[in-house]
Amino acid sequence: MSKPNVQFLSFPGCPLESKARTELEKALAECGLDRYENINVMAEQTAEELKFWGSPTILVDGKDVTGHEGGDGVGCRIYGGELGVPDAQSIIEFLERNTQDE
């Protein structure tokens, strides 16, 4: 597996940030990865194209782990499922499908 560029997008006070971060870190550990970029979508220096993703969002090489095509604007992002955020297994599956060695 090539080393992907993983970005965790959120803003301070997001109620789902902690759950999503926990699931992301579990998934990365399972895949032997230990780094991701933490991005505050409300920060002035954040790139404009990242500011429109809801919080929390996990991008791998610019692609949303849930397959969503683009951000809808700053705000809380609600996911379906039991956790309300992408679970570690679905993140692992996305990483395996989308980060193959070239």
N, C-alpha and C. Protein backbone atom coordinates (compact mmCIF):
# COMPACT_ATOMS: atom_id res chain seq x y z
N MET A 1 0.85 -1.18 0.00
CA MET A 1 0.00 0.00 0.00
C MET A 1 0.89 1.24 0.00
N SER A 2 0.65 2.15 -0.92
CA SER A 2 1.42 3.39 -0.95
C SER A 2 0.95 4.28 0.20
N LYS A 3 1.80 5.21 0.59
CA LYS A 3 1.44 6.11 1.69
C LYS A 3 0.46 7.17 1.21
N PRO A 4 -0.76 7.11 1.67
CA PRO A 4 -1.77 8.08 1.23
C PRO A 4 -1.65 9.40 1.99
N ASN A 5 -2.19 10.45 1.40
CA ASN A 5 -2.32 11.73 2.08
C ASN A 5 -3.68 11.72 2.76
N VAL A 6 -3.69 11.57 4.08
CA VAL A 6 -4.94 11.49 4.84
C VAL A 6 -5.14 12.83 5.55
N GLN A 7 -6.34 13.39 5.38
CA GLN A 7 -6.68 14.66 6.01
C GLN A 7 -7.94 14.48 6.85
N PHE A 8 -7.88 14.99 8.06
CA PHE A 8 -9.02 14.97 8.98
C PHE A 8 -9.50 16.40 9.12
N LEU A 9 -10.69 16.68 8.58
CA LEU A 9 -11.24 18.04 8.57
C LEU A 9 -12.31 18.16 9.65
N SER A 10 -12.17 19.19 10.47
CA SER A 10 -13.15 19.41 11.53
C SER A 10 -13.06 20.86 11.98
N PHE A 11 -13.89 21.21 12.94
CA PHE A 11 -13.76 22.52 13.57
C PHE A 11 -13.96 22.36 15.07
N PRO A 12 -13.38 23.27 15.85
CA PRO A 12 -13.49 23.17 17.30
C PRO A 12 -14.95 23.13 17.74
N GLY A 13 -15.24 22.24 18.66
CA GLY A 13 -16.59 22.12 19.19
C GLY A 13 -17.50 21.17 18.43
N CYS A 14 -17.00 20.59 17.36
CA CYS A 14 -17.81 19.63 16.60
C CYS A 14 -18.12 18.42 17.49
N PRO A 15 -19.40 18.09 17.67
CA PRO A 15 -19.75 17.01 18.59
C PRO A 15 -19.32 15.61 18.11
N LEU A 16 -19.06 15.44 16.82
CA LEU A 16 -18.67 14.12 16.30
C LEU A 16 -17.17 14.00 16.04
N GLU A 17 -16.43 15.08 16.30
CA GLU A 17 -14.99 15.09 16.01
C GLU A 17 -14.24 13.96 16.73
N SER A 18 -14.47 13.81 18.00
CA SER A 18 -13.74 12.82 18.80
C SER A 18 -14.01 11.39 18.32
N LYS A 19 -15.28 11.07 18.05
CA LYS A 19 -15.63 9.72 17.56
C LYS A 19 -14.97 9.45 16.22
N ALA A 20 -15.04 10.41 15.32
CA ALA A 20 -14.47 10.23 13.98
C ALA A 20 -12.96 10.08 14.06
N ARG A 21 -12.31 10.88 14.89
CA ARG A 21 -10.85 10.80 15.05
C ARG A 21 -10.45 9.43 15.59
N THR A 22 -11.20 8.93 16.56
CA THR A 22 -10.92 7.61 17.14
C THR A 22 -11.00 6.52 16.07
N GLU A 23 -12.05 6.57 15.26
CA GLU A 23 -12.22 5.56 14.20
C GLU A 23 -11.11 5.68 13.15
N LEU A 24 -10.75 6.91 12.79
CA LEU A 24 -9.66 7.12 11.83
C LEU A 24 -8.35 6.56 12.38
N GLU A 25 -8.04 6.85 13.62
CA GLU A 25 -6.78 6.38 14.20
C GLU A 25 -6.74 4.86 14.32
N LYS A 26 -7.87 4.24 14.62
CA LYS A 26 -7.94 2.76 14.64
C LYS A 26 -7.65 2.21 13.25
N ALA A 27 -8.27 2.81 12.23
CA ALA A 27 -8.10 2.34 10.85
C ALA A 27 -6.66 2.50 10.39
N LEU A 28 -6.07 3.65 10.68
CA LEU A 28 -4.68 3.89 10.27
C LEU A 28 -3.74 2.90 10.95
N ALA A 29 -3.95 2.65 12.23
CA ALA A 29 -3.11 1.69 12.96
C ALA A 29 -3.21 0.30 12.33
N GLU A 30 -4.42 -0.10 11.98
CA GLU A 30 -4.65 -1.41 11.36
C GLU A 30 -3.92 -1.52 10.02
N CYS A 31 -3.80 -0.40 9.32
CA CYS A 31 -3.15 -0.38 8.00
C CYS A 31 -1.66 -0.07 8.09
N GLY A 32 -1.15 0.07 9.30
CA GLY A 32 0.27 0.36 9.47
C GLY A 32 0.64 1.80 9.14
N LEU A 33 -0.33 2.68 9.23
CA LEU A 33 -0.10 4.10 8.96
C LEU A 33 -0.22 4.87 10.27
N ASP A 34 0.52 5.94 10.39
CA ASP A 34 0.46 6.67 11.66
C ASP A 34 0.33 8.16 11.51
N ARG A 35 0.17 8.64 10.28
CA ARG A 35 0.12 10.09 10.10
C ARG A 35 -1.12 10.52 9.34
N TYR A 36 -1.65 11.64 9.78
CA TYR A 36 -2.72 12.30 9.05
C TYR A 36 -2.62 13.79 9.37
N GLU A 37 -3.13 14.58 8.46
CA GLU A 37 -3.11 16.03 8.63
C GLU A 37 -4.40 16.46 9.29
N ASN A 38 -4.29 17.20 10.36
CA ASN A 38 -5.44 17.71 11.09
C ASN A 38 -5.74 19.11 10.57
N ILE A 39 -6.92 19.33 10.02
CA ILE A 39 -7.26 20.61 9.40
C ILE A 39 -8.50 21.21 10.05
N ASN A 40 -8.37 22.44 10.53
CA ASN A 40 -9.49 23.19 11.07
C ASN A 40 -10.14 23.93 9.90
N VAL A 41 -11.35 23.52 9.52
CA VAL A 41 -12.00 24.12 8.35
C VAL A 41 -12.41 25.58 8.59
N MET A 42 -12.36 26.04 9.82
CA MET A 42 -12.71 27.42 10.14
C MET A 42 -11.48 28.34 10.12
N ALA A 43 -10.28 27.77 10.08
CA ALA A 43 -9.07 28.58 10.13
C ALA A 43 -8.89 29.39 8.86
N GLU A 44 -8.43 30.61 9.02
CA GLU A 44 -8.25 31.51 7.90
C GLU A 44 -7.28 30.95 6.86
N GLN A 45 -6.23 30.26 7.31
CA GLN A 45 -5.21 29.76 6.39
C GLN A 45 -5.61 28.46 5.66
N THR A 46 -6.74 27.89 6.00
CA THR A 46 -7.19 26.66 5.35
C THR A 46 -7.57 26.94 3.90
N ALA A 47 -7.13 26.07 3.00
CA ALA A 47 -7.43 26.23 1.58
C ALA A 47 -8.94 26.30 1.36
N GLU A 48 -9.36 27.17 0.46
CA GLU A 48 -10.78 27.39 0.20
C GLU A 48 -11.54 26.09 -0.13
N GLU A 49 -10.93 25.22 -0.95
CA GLU A 49 -11.63 24.00 -1.36
C GLU A 49 -11.88 23.04 -0.19
N LEU A 50 -11.16 23.22 0.91
CA LEU A 50 -11.37 22.37 2.09
C LEU A 50 -12.39 22.95 3.05
N LYS A 51 -12.64 24.23 2.95
CA LYS A 51 -13.55 24.89 3.89
C LYS A 51 -15.01 24.50 3.71
N PHE A 52 -15.34 23.91 2.56
CA PHE A 52 -16.74 23.59 2.29
C PHE A 52 -17.15 22.19 2.75
N TRP A 53 -16.19 21.42 3.22
CA TRP A 53 -16.54 20.10 3.76
C TRP A 53 -17.11 20.27 5.15
N GLY A 54 -18.10 19.48 5.48
CA GLY A 54 -18.66 19.50 6.84
C GLY A 54 -17.69 18.87 7.81
N SER A 55 -17.99 19.01 9.08
CA SER A 55 -17.14 18.48 10.14
C SER A 55 -17.87 17.37 10.87
N PRO A 56 -17.24 16.21 10.99
CA PRO A 56 -15.91 15.83 10.54
C PRO A 56 -15.96 15.21 9.14
N THR A 57 -14.86 15.37 8.41
CA THR A 57 -14.69 14.73 7.11
C THR A 57 -13.30 14.11 7.07
N ILE A 58 -13.21 12.93 6.47
CA ILE A 58 -11.92 12.26 6.29
C ILE A 58 -11.68 12.13 4.80
N LEU A 59 -10.59 12.75 4.34
CA LEU A 59 -10.20 12.67 2.94
C LEU A 59 -8.93 11.84 2.81
N VAL A 60 -8.89 10.99 1.79
CA VAL A 60 -7.69 10.22 1.46
C VAL A 60 -7.34 10.57 0.02
N ASP A 61 -6.17 11.18 -0.14
CA ASP A 61 -5.75 11.67 -1.45
C ASP A 61 -6.85 12.50 -2.11
N GLY A 62 -7.50 13.32 -1.30
CA GLY A 62 -8.52 14.24 -1.80
C GLY A 62 -9.91 13.65 -1.97
N LYS A 63 -10.08 12.36 -1.69
CA LYS A 63 -11.38 11.70 -1.84
C LYS A 63 -12.00 11.43 -0.48
N ASP A 64 -13.29 11.72 -0.38
CA ASP A 64 -14.02 11.46 0.86
C ASP A 64 -14.17 9.96 1.07
N VAL A 65 -13.92 9.48 2.29
CA VAL A 65 -13.98 8.04 2.56
C VAL A 65 -15.37 7.45 2.42
N THR A 66 -16.40 8.30 2.38
CA THR A 66 -17.76 7.78 2.19
C THR A 66 -18.20 7.88 0.74
N GLY A 67 -17.35 8.42 -0.12
CA GLY A 67 -17.69 8.54 -1.53
C GLY A 67 -18.42 9.81 -1.89
N HIS A 68 -18.66 10.68 -0.91
CA HIS A 68 -19.33 11.95 -1.19
C HIS A 68 -18.45 12.77 -2.12
N GLU A 69 -19.04 13.42 -3.10
CA GLU A 69 -18.29 14.11 -4.14
C GLU A 69 -17.78 15.49 -3.77
N GLY A 70 -18.41 16.16 -2.85
CA GLY A 70 -17.96 17.51 -2.52
C GLY A 70 -18.61 18.02 -1.27
N GLY A 71 -18.02 19.06 -0.72
CA GLY A 71 -18.56 19.63 0.50
C GLY A 71 -19.79 20.47 0.23
N ASP A 72 -20.65 20.52 1.22
CA ASP A 72 -21.89 21.29 1.11
C ASP A 72 -21.82 22.60 1.88
N GLY A 73 -20.75 22.81 2.60
CA GLY A 73 -20.60 24.03 3.39
C GLY A 73 -20.21 23.70 4.81
N VAL A 74 -19.68 24.69 5.49
CA VAL A 74 -19.25 24.48 6.87
C VAL A 74 -20.45 24.18 7.74
N GLY A 75 -20.33 23.17 8.53
CA GLY A 75 -21.39 22.78 9.45
C GLY A 75 -21.12 21.38 9.95
N CYS A 76 -21.95 20.92 10.85
CA CYS A 76 -21.80 19.56 11.36
C CYS A 76 -22.24 18.57 10.28
N ARG A 77 -21.45 17.56 10.10
CA ARG A 77 -21.76 16.53 9.11
C ARG A 77 -22.28 15.31 9.85
N ILE A 78 -23.45 14.87 9.47
CA ILE A 78 -24.09 13.72 10.10
C ILE A 78 -24.01 12.53 9.14
N TYR A 79 -23.52 11.42 9.64
CA TYR A 79 -23.43 10.19 8.86
C TYR A 79 -24.48 9.22 9.39
N GLY A 80 -24.87 8.29 8.57
CA GLY A 80 -25.77 7.24 9.02
C GLY A 80 -25.00 6.22 9.84
N GLY A 81 -25.66 5.16 10.20
CA GLY A 81 -24.99 4.08 10.92
C GLY A 81 -25.04 4.28 12.42
N GLU A 82 -24.58 3.26 13.10
CA GLU A 82 -24.65 3.22 14.55
C GLU A 82 -23.81 4.31 15.22
N LEU A 83 -22.61 4.58 14.69
CA LEU A 83 -21.71 5.54 15.32
C LEU A 83 -22.00 6.99 14.95
N GLY A 84 -22.62 7.20 13.80
CA GLY A 84 -22.84 8.55 13.32
C GLY A 84 -21.64 9.13 12.58
N VAL A 85 -20.57 8.33 12.46
CA VAL A 85 -19.35 8.69 11.72
C VAL A 85 -18.89 7.45 10.98
N PRO A 86 -17.99 7.59 10.00
CA PRO A 86 -17.46 6.39 9.33
C PRO A 86 -16.74 5.50 10.35
N ASP A 87 -17.05 4.21 10.35
CA ASP A 87 -16.38 3.31 11.29
C ASP A 87 -15.02 2.89 10.74
N ALA A 88 -14.18 2.38 11.65
CA ALA A 88 -12.81 2.01 11.29
C ALA A 88 -12.78 1.03 10.11
N GLN A 89 -13.67 0.05 10.11
CA GLN A 89 -13.66 -0.96 9.04
C GLN A 89 -13.94 -0.34 7.68
N SER A 90 -14.89 0.58 7.60
CA SER A 90 -15.17 1.20 6.30
C SER A 90 -14.01 2.09 5.85
N ILE A 91 -13.32 2.72 6.79
CA ILE A 91 -12.14 3.52 6.44
C ILE A 91 -11.03 2.61 5.93
N ILE A 92 -10.82 1.47 6.60
CA ILE A 92 -9.82 0.50 6.16
C ILE A 92 -10.12 0.03 4.74
N GLU A 93 -11.37 -0.32 4.48
CA GLU A 93 -11.76 -0.79 3.15
C GLU A 93 -11.52 0.29 2.10
N PHE A 94 -11.82 1.55 2.43
CA PHE A 94 -11.56 2.64 1.49
C PHE A 94 -10.06 2.76 1.23
N LEU A 95 -9.26 2.72 2.29
CA LEU A 95 -7.80 2.81 2.13
C LEU A 95 -7.28 1.69 1.25
N GLU A 96 -7.76 0.48 1.46
CA GLU A 96 -7.29 -0.67 0.67
C GLU A 96 -7.69 -0.55 -0.80
N ARG A 97 -8.88 -0.04 -1.08
CA ARG A 97 -9.34 0.12 -2.46
C ARG A 97 -8.66 1.26 -3.19
N ASN A 98 -8.29 2.30 -2.46
CA ASN A 98 -7.86 3.54 -3.10
C ASN A 98 -6.39 3.90 -2.94
N THR A 99 -5.61 3.04 -2.33
CA THR A 99 -4.19 3.35 -2.16
C THR A 99 -3.31 2.19 -2.58
N GLN A 100 -3.62 1.59 -3.70
CA GLN A 100 -2.83 0.47 -4.19
C GLN A 100 -1.49 0.96 -4.71
N ASP A 101 -0.47 0.12 -4.59
CA ASP A 101 0.83 0.44 -5.18
C ASP A 101 0.70 0.59 -6.68
N GLU A 102 1.42 1.55 -7.20
CA GLU A 102 1.34 1.79 -8.65
C GLU A 102 2.46 1.09 -9.37
